[in-house]
Amino acid sequence: MTDPISHFIQQQGFFVLDGGLATELEARGADLNDRLWSAKVLLEDTELIRLTYLDFLRAGADCIVSATYQATFPELVRRGLSEADASELLKLSVWLALETRNAFWSHPANRVGRIKPIVGASIGPYGAYLADGSEYSGDYDIDEQQLYEFHRRRWLTLTGTGADIVACETIPSRTEARALVRLLGETPDTQMWISFNCRDEAHIADGNSLQETIAELNDHDRIVAFGVNCTPPSLVPGLVNQVRQVSDKPVMVYPNSGEGWDAERKEWTGVAEPVDFGEKATEWFNLGASCIGGCCRTGPEHVREIRAALVGAVGGRG
């Protein structure tokens, strides 16, 4: 089975992820003050999602991910959808990404200096469904079997859509990572990456060691990359070092922009310049991260700077 991420690294030296889909949709006028977050736009304005995907691809993303991070069967049914309609909505999200990728690639000008981008099916943590902040703590009151059962229906639906890879994102819990890897065992044609949410430079959000967690999972040959996301850029250098000590698989980092979230006022504070993000991407690449993108508050302009920085970094090594 071809590893879709290593193919990029072997051919061009790096792999560029997209940016924060949800916060970019908000920047374009979408109201995401909702338990469904970015998935709400699937019900309201698929064209906005399509245009956002296209801008990420034009900016240089080698991968775009589906708007399913916070879309789960229990929440969609709670919103009034039938099980069948919920399944179709999940499939629609991946279809939108695939269709946009294919349309982008159909123009010869977009192929210059590029490899055909891939599509990831996003699976967020159980805490994203709860929408109570526990995705940043991993403090769940359910066990591995219950997490496995919670994720299974969405997993089986998304792995049947034609997505190139499953993107397990912002995972805060070692127990939840184990549950997701159990599901990987049920779909032998599926490959995945796991990206953790971390509390500091050595521990995932639930307090478990990042090194020990990755070491436990590292031997699974269909986990093709390990990484961290939705974390401050300042933590990235230490986290890259932690991953590299226990795995020779590609290291993936897609942190937040560097701005802070004021929970009381419900607004972002500070400024994160895209050019600064590009400079940091060079630093992270030189430390050993080969898969780089952005999470919350990073848009196409950040992706453009990342790609330019990585092209320069690879050229500098030559």
C-alpha atoms as a PDB file:
ATOM      1  CA  MET A   1       0.000   0.000   0.000  1.00  0.00           C
ATOM      2  CA  THR A   2       1.433   3.364  -1.042  1.00  0.00           C
ATOM      3  CA  ASP A   3       2.038   5.800   1.796  1.00  0.00           C
ATOM      4  CA  PRO A   4       0.501   9.064   0.525  1.00  0.00           C
ATOM      5  CA  ILE A   5       2.552  11.332   2.800  1.00  0.00           C
ATOM      6  CA  SER A   6       5.987   9.773   2.281  1.00  0.00           C
ATOM      7  CA  HIS A   7       5.416  10.084  -1.459  1.00  0.00           C
ATOM      8  CA  PHE A   8       5.435  13.882  -1.102  1.00  0.00           C
ATOM      9  CA  ILE A   9       8.449  13.895   1.187  1.00  0.00           C
ATOM     10  CA  GLN A  10      10.434  11.682  -1.162  1.00  0.00           C
ATOM     11  CA  GLN A  11       9.537  13.736  -4.234  1.00  0.00           C
ATOM     12  CA  GLN A  12       9.683  17.309  -2.932  1.00  0.00           C
ATOM     13  CA  GLY A  13      11.179  17.076   0.541  1.00  0.00           C
ATOM     14  CA  PHE A  14       8.128  18.185   2.548  1.00  0.00           C
ATOM     15  CA  PHE A  15       4.351  17.974   2.887  1.00  0.00           C
ATOM     16  CA  VAL A  16       2.218  21.102   3.334  1.00  0.00           C
ATOM     17  CA  LEU A  17      -1.031  20.834   5.270  1.00  0.00           C
ATOM     18  CA  ASP A  18      -3.862  23.310   4.952  1.00  0.00           C
ATOM     19  CA  GLY A  19      -4.844  25.847   7.611  1.00  0.00           C
ATOM     20  CA  GLY A  20      -7.680  26.213  10.076  1.00  0.00           C
ATOM     21  CA  LEU A  21     -10.824  25.484   8.075  1.00  0.00           C
ATOM     22  CA  ALA A  22     -13.292  26.538  10.754  1.00  0.00           C
ATOM     23  CA  THR A  23     -11.672  29.840  11.660  1.00  0.00           C
ATOM     24  CA  GLU A  24     -11.172  30.624   7.970  1.00  0.00           C
ATOM     25  CA  LEU A  25     -14.872  30.017   7.348  1.00  0.00           C
ATOM     26  CA  GLU A  26     -15.587  32.403  10.226  1.00  0.00           C
ATOM     27  CA  ALA A  27     -13.296  34.991   8.681  1.00  0.00           C
ATOM     28  CA  ARG A  28     -15.400  34.703   5.518  1.00  0.00           C
ATOM     29  CA  GLY A  29     -18.627  35.397   7.370  1.00  0.00           C
ATOM     30  CA  ALA A  30     -19.834  32.007   8.624  1.00  0.00           C
ATOM     31  CA  ASP A  31     -21.429  31.939  12.071  1.00  0.00           C
ATOM     32  CA  LEU A  32     -19.931  28.898  13.818  1.00  0.00           C
ATOM     33  CA  ASN A  33     -21.226  29.563  17.303  1.00  0.00           C
ATOM     34  CA  ASP A  34     -22.682  26.080  17.292  1.00  0.00           C
ATOM     35  CA  ARG A  35     -21.942  22.590  18.613  1.00  0.00           C
ATOM     36  CA  LEU A  36     -21.341  21.441  15.028  1.00  0.00           C
ATOM     37  CA  TRP A  37     -18.690  24.127  14.436  1.00  0.00           C
ATOM     38  CA  SER A  38     -17.409  23.925  10.822  1.00  0.00           C
ATOM     39  CA  ALA A  39     -19.811  21.073  10.043  1.00  0.00           C
ATOM     40  CA  LYS A  40     -22.650  23.590  10.448  1.00  0.00           C
ATOM     41  CA  VAL A  41     -21.603  25.075   7.112  1.00  0.00           C
ATOM     42  CA  LEU A  42     -22.213  21.696   5.457  1.00  0.00           C
ATOM     43  CA  LEU A  43     -25.881  22.268   6.231  1.00  0.00           C
ATOM     44  CA  GLU A  44     -25.902  25.893   5.108  1.00  0.00           C
ATOM     45  CA  ASP A  45     -23.323  26.854   2.474  1.00  0.00           C
ATOM     46  CA  THR A  46     -21.262  24.165   0.781  1.00  0.00           C
ATOM     47  CA  GLU A  47     -20.047  26.671  -1.803  1.00  0.00           C
ATOM     48  CA  LEU A  48     -18.228  28.594   0.929  1.00  0.00           C
ATOM     49  CA  ILE A  49     -16.425  25.399   1.931  1.00  0.00           C
ATOM     50  CA  ARG A  50     -15.529  24.713  -1.690  1.00  0.00           C
ATOM     51  CA  LEU A  51     -14.082  28.200  -2.205  1.00  0.00           C
ATOM     52  CA  THR A  52     -12.089  27.952   1.018  1.00  0.00           C
ATOM     53  CA  TYR A  53     -10.638  24.599  -0.024  1.00  0.00           C
ATOM     54  CA  LEU A  54      -9.697  26.083  -3.389  1.00  0.00           C
ATOM     55  CA  ASP A  55      -7.862  28.988  -1.786  1.00  0.00           C
ATOM     56  CA  PHE A  56      -5.874  26.627   0.434  1.00  0.00           C
ATOM     57  CA  LEU A  57      -4.902  24.577  -2.617  1.00  0.00           C
ATOM     58  CA  ARG A  58      -3.907  27.657  -4.582  1.00  0.00           C
ATOM     59  CA  ALA A  59      -1.807  28.788  -1.636  1.00  0.00           C
ATOM     60  CA  GLY A  60       0.173  25.544  -1.820  1.00  0.00           C
ATOM     61  CA  ALA A  61      -1.511  22.977   0.423  1.00  0.00           C
ATOM     62  CA  ASP A  62      -0.670  19.376  -0.427  1.00  0.00           C
ATOM     63  CA  CYS A  63      -3.670  18.198   1.603  1.00  0.00           C
ATOM     64  CA  ILE A  64      -7.130  19.484   2.467  1.00  0.00           C
ATOM     65  CA  VAL A  65      -9.262  17.854   5.145  1.00  0.00           C
ATOM     66  CA  SER A  66     -13.004  17.317   5.350  1.00  0.00           C
ATOM     67  CA  ALA A  67     -15.297  19.439   7.519  1.00  0.00           C
ATOM     68  CA  THR A  68     -16.087  16.471   9.764  1.00  0.00           C
ATOM     69  CA  TYR A  69     -13.919  17.246  12.794  1.00  0.00           C
ATOM     70  CA  GLN A  70     -16.967  17.985  14.926  1.00  0.00           C
ATOM     71  CA  ALA A  71     -19.589  16.142  12.858  1.00  0.00           C
ATOM     72  CA  THR A  72     -20.742  13.024  14.697  1.00  0.00           C
ATOM     73  CA  PHE A  73     -23.760  10.777  14.350  1.00  0.00           C
ATOM     74  CA  PRO A  74     -25.122  11.556  17.845  1.00  0.00           C
ATOM     75  CA  GLU A  75     -24.948  15.314  17.293  1.00  0.00           C
ATOM     76  CA  LEU A  76     -26.365  15.223  13.771  1.00  0.00           C
ATOM     77  CA  VAL A  77     -29.258  13.053  14.931  1.00  0.00           C
ATOM     78  CA  ARG A  78     -29.820  15.400  17.862  1.00  0.00           C
ATOM     79  CA  ARG A  79     -30.141  18.165  15.275  1.00  0.00           C
ATOM     80  CA  GLY A  80     -32.966  16.297  13.568  1.00  0.00           C
ATOM     81  CA  LEU A  81     -31.191  14.340  10.842  1.00  0.00           C
ATOM     82  CA  SER A  82     -31.931  10.674  10.355  1.00  0.00           C
ATOM     83  CA  GLU A  83     -29.069   8.204  10.616  1.00  0.00           C
ATOM     84  CA  ALA A  84     -29.121   7.873   6.835  1.00  0.00           C
ATOM     85  CA  ASP A  85     -29.032  11.642   6.303  1.00  0.00           C
ATOM     86  CA  ALA A  86     -26.205  11.992   8.820  1.00  0.00           C
ATOM     87  CA  SER A  87     -24.228   9.394   6.883  1.00  0.00           C
ATOM     88  CA  GLU A  88     -24.835  11.257   3.627  1.00  0.00           C
ATOM     89  CA  LEU A  89     -23.676  14.537   5.181  1.00  0.00           C
ATOM     90  CA  LEU A  90     -20.396  12.977   6.266  1.00  0.00           C
ATOM     91  CA  LYS A  91     -19.903  11.588   2.787  1.00  0.00           C
ATOM     92  CA  LEU A  92     -20.745  14.982   1.287  1.00  0.00           C
ATOM     93  CA  SER A  93     -17.946  16.621   3.235  1.00  0.00           C
ATOM     94  CA  VAL A  94     -15.323  14.325   1.736  1.00  0.00           C
ATOM     95  CA  TRP A  95     -16.932  14.531  -1.695  1.00  0.00           C
ATOM     96  CA  LEU A  96     -16.655  18.341  -1.598  1.00  0.00           C
ATOM     97  CA  ALA A  97     -12.953  18.089  -0.837  1.00  0.00           C
ATOM     98  CA  LEU A  98     -12.355  15.452  -3.520  1.00  0.00           C
ATOM     99  CA  GLU A  99     -14.307  17.370  -6.132  1.00  0.00           C
ATOM    100  CA  THR A 100     -12.495  20.620  -5.347  1.00  0.00           C
ATOM    101  CA  ARG A 101      -9.105  18.884  -5.446  1.00  0.00           C
ATOM    102  CA  ASN A 102      -9.937  17.293  -8.793  1.00  0.00           C
ATOM    103  CA  ALA A 103     -11.169  20.579 -10.259  1.00  0.00           C
ATOM    104  CA  PHE A 104      -8.007  22.309  -9.077  1.00  0.00           C
ATOM    105  CA  TRP A 105      -5.826  19.601 -10.587  1.00  0.00           C
ATOM    106  CA  SER A 106      -7.658  19.678 -13.923  1.00  0.00           C
ATOM    107  CA  HIS A 107      -5.995  23.011 -14.773  1.00  0.00           C
ATOM    108  CA  PRO A 108      -2.473  22.455 -16.142  1.00  0.00           C
ATOM    109  CA  ALA A 109      -1.202  25.711 -14.626  1.00  0.00           C
ATOM    110  CA  ASN A 110      -1.925  24.360 -11.143  1.00  0.00           C
ATOM    111  CA  ARG A 111       0.305  21.353 -11.741  1.00  0.00           C
ATOM    112  CA  VAL A 112       3.507  23.326 -12.235  1.00  0.00           C
ATOM    113  CA  GLY A 113       5.928  22.398  -9.484  1.00  0.00           C
ATOM    114  CA  ARG A 114       3.242  20.444  -7.642  1.00  0.00           C
ATOM    115  CA  ILE A 115       2.232  16.872  -6.804  1.00  0.00           C
ATOM    116  CA  LYS A 116      -1.478  16.073  -6.915  1.00  0.00           C
ATOM    117  CA  PRO A 117      -2.862  17.066  -3.495  1.00  0.00           C
ATOM    118  CA  ILE A 118      -4.572  14.513  -1.287  1.00  0.00           C
ATOM    119  CA  VAL A 119      -7.756  14.612   0.806  1.00  0.00           C
ATOM    120  CA  GLY A 120      -7.921  13.679   4.465  1.00  0.00           C
ATOM    121  CA  ALA A 121     -11.094  12.611   6.262  1.00  0.00           C
ATOM    122  CA  SER A 122     -11.019  14.482   9.562  1.00  0.00           C
ATOM    123  CA  ILE A 123     -11.913  12.760  12.829  1.00  0.00           C
ATOM    124  CA  GLY A 124     -11.870  14.948  15.895  1.00  0.00           C
ATOM    125  CA  PRO A 125     -11.838  13.731  19.498  1.00  0.00           C
ATOM    126  CA  TYR A 126     -14.777  12.764  21.662  1.00  0.00           C
ATOM    127  CA  GLY A 127     -14.347  16.053  23.487  1.00  0.00           C
ATOM    128  CA  ALA A 128     -15.184  17.979  20.314  1.00  0.00           C
ATOM    129  CA  TYR A 129     -18.583  16.288  20.316  1.00  0.00           C
ATOM    130  CA  LEU A 130     -19.094  17.218  23.969  1.00  0.00           C
ATOM    131  CA  ALA A 131     -18.221  20.843  23.112  1.00  0.00           C
ATOM    132  CA  ASP A 132     -17.229  21.440  26.741  1.00  0.00           C
ATOM    133  CA  GLY A 133     -13.507  22.009  26.335  1.00  0.00           C
ATOM    134  CA  SER A 134     -12.512  18.457  27.227  1.00  0.00           C
ATOM    135  CA  GLU A 135     -10.773  18.059  23.872  1.00  0.00           C
ATOM    136  CA  TYR A 136      -8.064  20.194  25.509  1.00  0.00           C
ATOM    137  CA  SER A 137      -7.845  18.077  28.649  1.00  0.00           C
ATOM    138  CA  GLY A 138      -8.732  14.518  27.644  1.00  0.00           C
ATOM    139  CA  ASP A 139     -10.700  14.363  30.870  1.00  0.00           C
ATOM    140  CA  TYR A 140     -13.406  11.954  29.750  1.00  0.00           C
ATOM    141  CA  ASP A 141     -15.621   9.853  31.971  1.00  0.00           C
ATOM    142  CA  ILE A 142     -15.811   6.954  29.497  1.00  0.00           C
ATOM    143  CA  ASP A 143     -13.402   4.090  28.821  1.00  0.00           C
ATOM    144  CA  GLU A 144     -11.608   2.783  25.731  1.00  0.00           C
ATOM    145  CA  GLN A 145     -14.443   0.483  24.690  1.00  0.00           C
ATOM    146  CA  GLN A 146     -16.959   3.313  24.866  1.00  0.00           C
ATOM    147  CA  LEU A 147     -14.650   5.575  22.852  1.00  0.00           C
ATOM    148  CA  TYR A 148     -14.246   2.818  20.281  1.00  0.00           C
ATOM    149  CA  GLU A 149     -18.022   2.475  19.978  1.00  0.00           C
ATOM    150  CA  PHE A 150     -18.485   6.257  19.786  1.00  0.00           C
ATOM    151  CA  HIS A 151     -16.056   6.647  16.891  1.00  0.00           C
ATOM    152  CA  ARG A 152     -16.880   3.450  14.990  1.00  0.00           C
ATOM    153  CA  ARG A 153     -19.870   4.542  12.902  1.00  0.00           C
ATOM    154  CA  ARG A 154     -18.195   7.740  11.713  1.00  0.00           C
ATOM    155  CA  TRP A 155     -14.933   5.884  11.078  1.00  0.00           C
ATOM    156  CA  LEU A 156     -16.598   3.238   8.912  1.00  0.00           C
ATOM    157  CA  THR A 157     -18.537   5.880   7.003  1.00  0.00           C
ATOM    158  CA  LEU A 158     -15.542   8.117   6.285  1.00  0.00           C
ATOM    159  CA  THR A 159     -13.203   5.280   5.347  1.00  0.00           C
ATOM    160  CA  GLY A 160     -15.643   4.298   2.614  1.00  0.00           C
ATOM    161  CA  THR A 161     -15.641   7.697   0.900  1.00  0.00           C
ATOM    162  CA  GLY A 162     -12.499   7.536  -1.193  1.00  0.00           C
ATOM    163  CA  ALA A 163     -10.485   9.885   1.028  1.00  0.00           C
ATOM    164  CA  ASP A 164      -6.758   9.310   0.685  1.00  0.00           C
ATOM    165  CA  ILE A 165      -6.104   9.173   4.428  1.00  0.00           C
ATOM    166  CA  VAL A 166      -7.859   9.516   7.771  1.00  0.00           C
ATOM    167  CA  ALA A 167      -6.736  12.521   9.812  1.00  0.00           C
ATOM    168  CA  CYS A 168      -7.201  11.927  13.551  1.00  0.00           C
ATOM    169  CA  GLU A 169      -6.739  15.418  14.930  1.00  0.00           C
ATOM    170  CA  THR A 170      -6.326  17.144  18.291  1.00  0.00           C
ATOM    171  CA  ILE A 171      -6.377  13.820  20.134  1.00  0.00           C
ATOM    172  CA  PRO A 172      -5.932  14.628  23.841  1.00  0.00           C
ATOM    173  CA  SER A 173      -6.081  11.150  25.327  1.00  0.00           C
ATOM    174  CA  ARG A 174      -3.874   8.071  25.128  1.00  0.00           C
ATOM    175  CA  THR A 175      -6.948   5.933  25.675  1.00  0.00           C
ATOM    176  CA  GLU A 176      -8.696   7.584  22.745  1.00  0.00           C
ATOM    177  CA  ALA A 177      -5.667   7.024  20.519  1.00  0.00           C
ATOM    178  CA  ARG A 178      -5.808   3.313  21.379  1.00  0.00           C
ATOM    179  CA  ALA A 179      -9.502   3.199  20.473  1.00  0.00           C
ATOM    180  CA  LEU A 180      -8.844   4.804  17.083  1.00  0.00           C
ATOM    181  CA  VAL A 181      -6.027   2.381  16.313  1.00  0.00           C
ATOM    182  CA  ARG A 182      -8.412  -0.497  17.070  1.00  0.00           C
ATOM    183  CA  LEU A 183     -10.684   0.893  14.373  1.00  0.00           C
ATOM    184  CA  LEU A 184      -7.752   1.079  11.965  1.00  0.00           C
ATOM    185  CA  GLY A 185      -7.493  -2.671  12.392  1.00  0.00           C
ATOM    186  CA  GLU A 186     -11.028  -3.068  11.045  1.00  0.00           C
ATOM    187  CA  THR A 187     -10.323  -1.278   7.757  1.00  0.00           C
ATOM    188  CA  PRO A 188      -7.245  -2.866   6.156  1.00  0.00           C
ATOM    189  CA  ASP A 189      -7.170  -0.475   3.197  1.00  0.00           C
ATOM    190  CA  THR A 190      -7.012   2.615   5.428  1.00  0.00           C
ATOM    191  CA  GLN A 191      -4.004   4.702   6.416  1.00  0.00           C
ATOM    192  CA  MET A 192      -4.061   7.397   9.070  1.00  0.00           C
ATOM    193  CA  TRP A 193      -2.128  10.075  10.844  1.00  0.00           C
ATOM    194  CA  ILE A 194      -2.552  10.868  14.521  1.00  0.00           C
ATOM    195  CA  SER A 195      -1.990  14.398  15.744  1.00  0.00           C
ATOM    196  CA  PHE A 196      -2.109  15.087  19.475  1.00  0.00           C
ATOM    197  CA  ASN A 197      -3.151  18.086  21.503  1.00  0.00           C
ATOM    198  CA  CYS A 198      -0.424  18.748  24.082  1.00  0.00           C
ATOM    199  CA  ARG A 199      -0.364  20.578  27.408  1.00  0.00           C
ATOM    200  CA  ASP A 200       3.395  21.268  27.358  1.00  0.00           C
ATOM    201  CA  GLU A 201       6.552  20.212  25.517  1.00  0.00           C
ATOM    202  CA  ALA A 202       6.429  16.622  26.747  1.00  0.00           C
ATOM    203  CA  HIS A 203       2.856  15.592  27.559  1.00  0.00           C
ATOM    204  CA  ILE A 204      -0.403  15.204  25.699  1.00  0.00           C
ATOM    205  CA  ALA A 205      -3.421  16.923  27.160  1.00  0.00           C
ATOM    206  CA  ASP A 206      -4.422  14.105  29.516  1.00  0.00           C
ATOM    207  CA  GLY A 207      -0.981  14.156  31.160  1.00  0.00           C
ATOM    208  CA  ASN A 208       0.439  11.080  29.471  1.00  0.00           C
ATOM    209  CA  SER A 209       3.929  11.249  28.002  1.00  0.00           C
ATOM    210  CA  LEU A 210       3.891  12.080  24.283  1.00  0.00           C
ATOM    211  CA  GLN A 211       6.960   9.899  23.791  1.00  0.00           C
ATOM    212  CA  GLU A 212       5.471   6.892  25.549  1.00  0.00           C
ATOM    213  CA  THR A 213       2.155   7.259  23.740  1.00  0.00           C
ATOM    214  CA  ILE A 214       3.789   7.360  20.308  1.00  0.00           C
ATOM    215  CA  ALA A 215       6.184   4.532  21.192  1.00  0.00           C
ATOM    216  CA  GLU A 216       3.179   2.344  22.010  1.00  0.00           C
ATOM    217  CA  LEU A 217       1.610   2.997  18.597  1.00  0.00           C
ATOM    218  CA  ASN A 218       4.707   3.292  16.434  1.00  0.00           C
ATOM    219  CA  ASP A 219       4.861  -0.288  15.165  1.00  0.00           C
ATOM    220  CA  HIS A 220       1.506  -0.034  13.382  1.00  0.00           C
ATOM    221  CA  ASP A 221       2.534   0.241   9.735  1.00  0.00           C
ATOM    222  CA  ARG A 222      -0.646   2.020   8.605  1.00  0.00           C
ATOM    223  CA  ILE A 223      -0.104   4.945  10.942  1.00  0.00           C
ATOM    224  CA  VAL A 224       1.984   6.951   8.495  1.00  0.00           C
ATOM    225  CA  ALA A 225       2.762  10.065  10.554  1.00  0.00           C
ATOM    226  CA  PHE A 226       2.641  11.353  14.117  1.00  0.00           C
ATOM    227  CA  GLY A 227       2.234  14.942  15.088  1.00  0.00           C
ATOM    228  CA  VAL A 228       0.803  17.730  17.180  1.00  0.00           C
ATOM    229  CA  ASN A 229      -1.793  20.360  16.387  1.00  0.00           C
ATOM    230  CA  CYS A 230      -3.950  23.052  17.983  1.00  0.00           C
ATOM    231  CA  THR A 231      -1.043  23.997  20.220  1.00  0.00           C
ATOM    232  CA  PRO A 232       0.924  27.253  20.577  1.00  0.00           C
ATOM    233  CA  PRO A 233       3.843  27.606  18.134  1.00  0.00           C
ATOM    234  CA  SER A 234       6.189  28.122  21.093  1.00  0.00           C
ATOM    235  CA  LEU A 235       5.762  24.457  22.121  1.00  0.00           C
ATOM    236  CA  VAL A 236       6.482  23.014  18.692  1.00  0.00           C
ATOM    237  CA  PRO A 237      10.308  22.728  18.849  1.00  0.00           C
ATOM    238  CA  GLY A 238      10.239  20.677  22.042  1.00  0.00           C
ATOM    239  CA  LEU A 239       7.392  18.499  20.789  1.00  0.00           C
ATOM    240  CA  VAL A 240       9.161  17.762  17.487  1.00  0.00           C
ATOM    241  CA  ASN A 241      12.149  16.580  19.481  1.00  0.00           C
ATOM    242  CA  GLN A 242       9.933  14.320  21.587  1.00  0.00           C
ATOM    243  CA  VAL A 243       8.409  12.652  18.533  1.00  0.00           C
ATOM    244  CA  ARG A 244      11.722  12.170  16.757  1.00  0.00           C
ATOM    245  CA  GLN A 245      13.222  10.365  19.732  1.00  0.00           C
ATOM    246  CA  VAL A 246      10.770   7.476  19.459  1.00  0.00           C
ATOM    247  CA  SER A 247       9.698   7.325  15.803  1.00  0.00           C
ATOM    248  CA  ASP A 248      11.300   7.616  12.384  1.00  0.00           C
ATOM    249  CA  LYS A 249       7.936   8.285  10.729  1.00  0.00           C
ATOM    250  CA  PRO A 250       7.230  11.751   9.325  1.00  0.00           C
ATOM    251  CA  VAL A 251       6.661  14.366  12.014  1.00  0.00           C
ATOM    252  CA  MET A 252       3.611  16.560  11.512  1.00  0.00           C
ATOM    253  CA  VAL A 253       3.034  19.967  13.121  1.00  0.00           C
ATOM    254  CA  TYR A 254       0.125  22.304  12.569  1.00  0.00           C
ATOM    255  CA  PRO A 255      -0.138  24.680  15.501  1.00  0.00           C
ATOM    256  CA  ASN A 256      -2.443  27.604  16.036  1.00  0.00           C
ATOM    257  CA  SER A 257      -1.440  31.005  14.705  1.00  0.00           C
ATOM    258  CA  GLY A 258       0.030  32.180  17.989  1.00  0.00           C
ATOM    259  CA  GLU A 259      -2.919  34.367  18.896  1.00  0.00           C
ATOM    260  CA  GLY A 260      -4.652  33.816  22.230  1.00  0.00           C
ATOM    261  CA  TRP A 261      -8.312  32.981  22.887  1.00  0.00           C
ATOM    262  CA  ASP A 262     -10.122  35.101  25.460  1.00  0.00           C
ATOM    263  CA  ALA A 263     -12.804  32.663  26.665  1.00  0.00           C
ATOM    264  CA  GLU A 264     -14.643  35.311  28.677  1.00  0.00           C
ATOM    265  CA  ARG A 265     -14.917  37.790  25.817  1.00  0.00           C
ATOM    266  CA  LYS A 266     -15.039  35.022  23.189  1.00  0.00           C
ATOM    267  CA  GLU A 267     -12.519  36.640  20.909  1.00  0.00           C
ATOM    268  CA  TRP A 268      -8.978  36.160  19.659  1.00  0.00           C
ATOM    269  CA  THR A 269      -6.272  38.463  20.961  1.00  0.00           C
ATOM    270  CA  GLY A 270      -2.905  39.435  19.528  1.00  0.00           C
ATOM    271  CA  VAL A 271      -1.590  39.341  15.998  1.00  0.00           C
ATOM    272  CA  ALA A 272       0.056  36.519  14.088  1.00  0.00           C
ATOM    273  CA  GLU A 273       1.790  37.615  10.903  1.00  0.00           C
ATOM    274  CA  PRO A 274       1.872  35.017   8.130  1.00  0.00           C
ATOM    275  CA  VAL A 275       5.499  35.824   7.307  1.00  0.00           C
ATOM    276  CA  ASP A 276       6.471  35.033  10.911  1.00  0.00           C
ATOM    277  CA  PHE A 277       4.690  31.697  10.590  1.00  0.00           C
ATOM    278  CA  GLY A 278       6.742  30.969   7.482  1.00  0.00           C
ATOM    279  CA  GLU A 279       9.949  31.698   9.364  1.00  0.00           C
ATOM    280  CA  LYS A 280       8.879  29.340  12.128  1.00  0.00           C
ATOM    281  CA  ALA A 281       8.106  26.657   9.529  1.00  0.00           C
ATOM    282  CA  THR A 282      11.747  26.775   8.440  1.00  0.00           C
ATOM    283  CA  GLU A 283      12.834  26.318  12.058  1.00  0.00           C
ATOM    284  CA  TRP A 284      10.470  23.372  12.573  1.00  0.00           C
ATOM    285  CA  PHE A 285      11.607  21.779   9.312  1.00  0.00           C
ATOM    286  CA  ASN A 286      15.259  22.050  10.316  1.00  0.00           C
ATOM    287  CA  LEU A 287      14.411  20.397  13.628  1.00  0.00           C
ATOM    288  CA  GLY A 288      12.924  17.410  11.813  1.00  0.00           C
ATOM    289  CA  ALA A 289       9.263  18.171  11.028  1.00  0.00           C
ATOM    290  CA  SER A 290       8.532  17.381   7.383  1.00  0.00           C
ATOM    291  CA  CYS A 291       4.731  17.884   7.426  1.00  0.00           C
ATOM    292  CA  ILE A 292       3.776  21.452   8.313  1.00  0.00           C
ATOM    293  CA  GLY A 293       0.566  23.471   8.248  1.00  0.00           C
ATOM    294  CA  GLY A 294      -1.673  25.491  10.517  1.00  0.00           C
ATOM    295  CA  CYS A 295      -4.644  25.079  12.814  1.00  0.00           C
ATOM    296  CA  CYS A 296      -6.862  27.770  14.375  1.00  0.00           C
ATOM    297  CA  ARG A 297      -6.537  31.263  12.897  1.00  0.00           C
ATOM    298  CA  THR A 298      -4.254  30.226  10.066  1.00  0.00           C
ATOM    299  CA  GLY A 299      -5.489  30.877   6.554  1.00  0.00           C
ATOM    300  CA  PRO A 300      -4.299  30.584   2.954  1.00  0.00           C
ATOM    301  CA  GLU A 301      -1.775  33.385   3.468  1.00  0.00           C
ATOM    302  CA  HIS A 302      -0.084  31.334   6.213  1.00  0.00           C
ATOM    303  CA  VAL A 303      -0.023  28.262   3.962  1.00  0.00           C
ATOM    304  CA  ARG A 304       1.552  30.324   1.177  1.00  0.00           C
ATOM    305  CA  GLU A 305       4.328  31.467   3.501  1.00  0.00           C
ATOM    306  CA  ILE A 306       4.858  27.909   4.768  1.00  0.00           C
ATOM    307  CA  ARG A 307       5.265  26.526   1.268  1.00  0.00           C
ATOM    308  CA  ALA A 308       7.633  29.290   0.215  1.00  0.00           C
ATOM    309  CA  ALA A 309       9.708  28.731   3.355  1.00  0.00           C
ATOM    310  CA  LEU A 310       9.909  24.965   2.831  1.00  0.00           C
ATOM    311  CA  VAL A 311      10.833  25.302  -0.833  1.00  0.00           C
ATOM    312  CA  GLY A 312      13.632  27.610   0.293  1.00  0.00           C
ATOM    313  CA  ALA A 313      14.714  25.242   3.062  1.00  0.00           C
ATOM    314  CA  VAL A 314      14.911  22.244   0.738  1.00  0.00           C
ATOM    315  CA  GLY A 315      16.774  24.299  -1.849  1.00  0.00           C
ATOM    316  CA  GLY A 316      19.206  25.440   0.807  1.00  0.00           C
ATOM    317  CA  ARG A 317      20.019  21.840   1.664  1.00  0.00           C
ATOM    318  CA  GLY A 318      20.716  21.092  -1.971  1.00  0.00           C
END
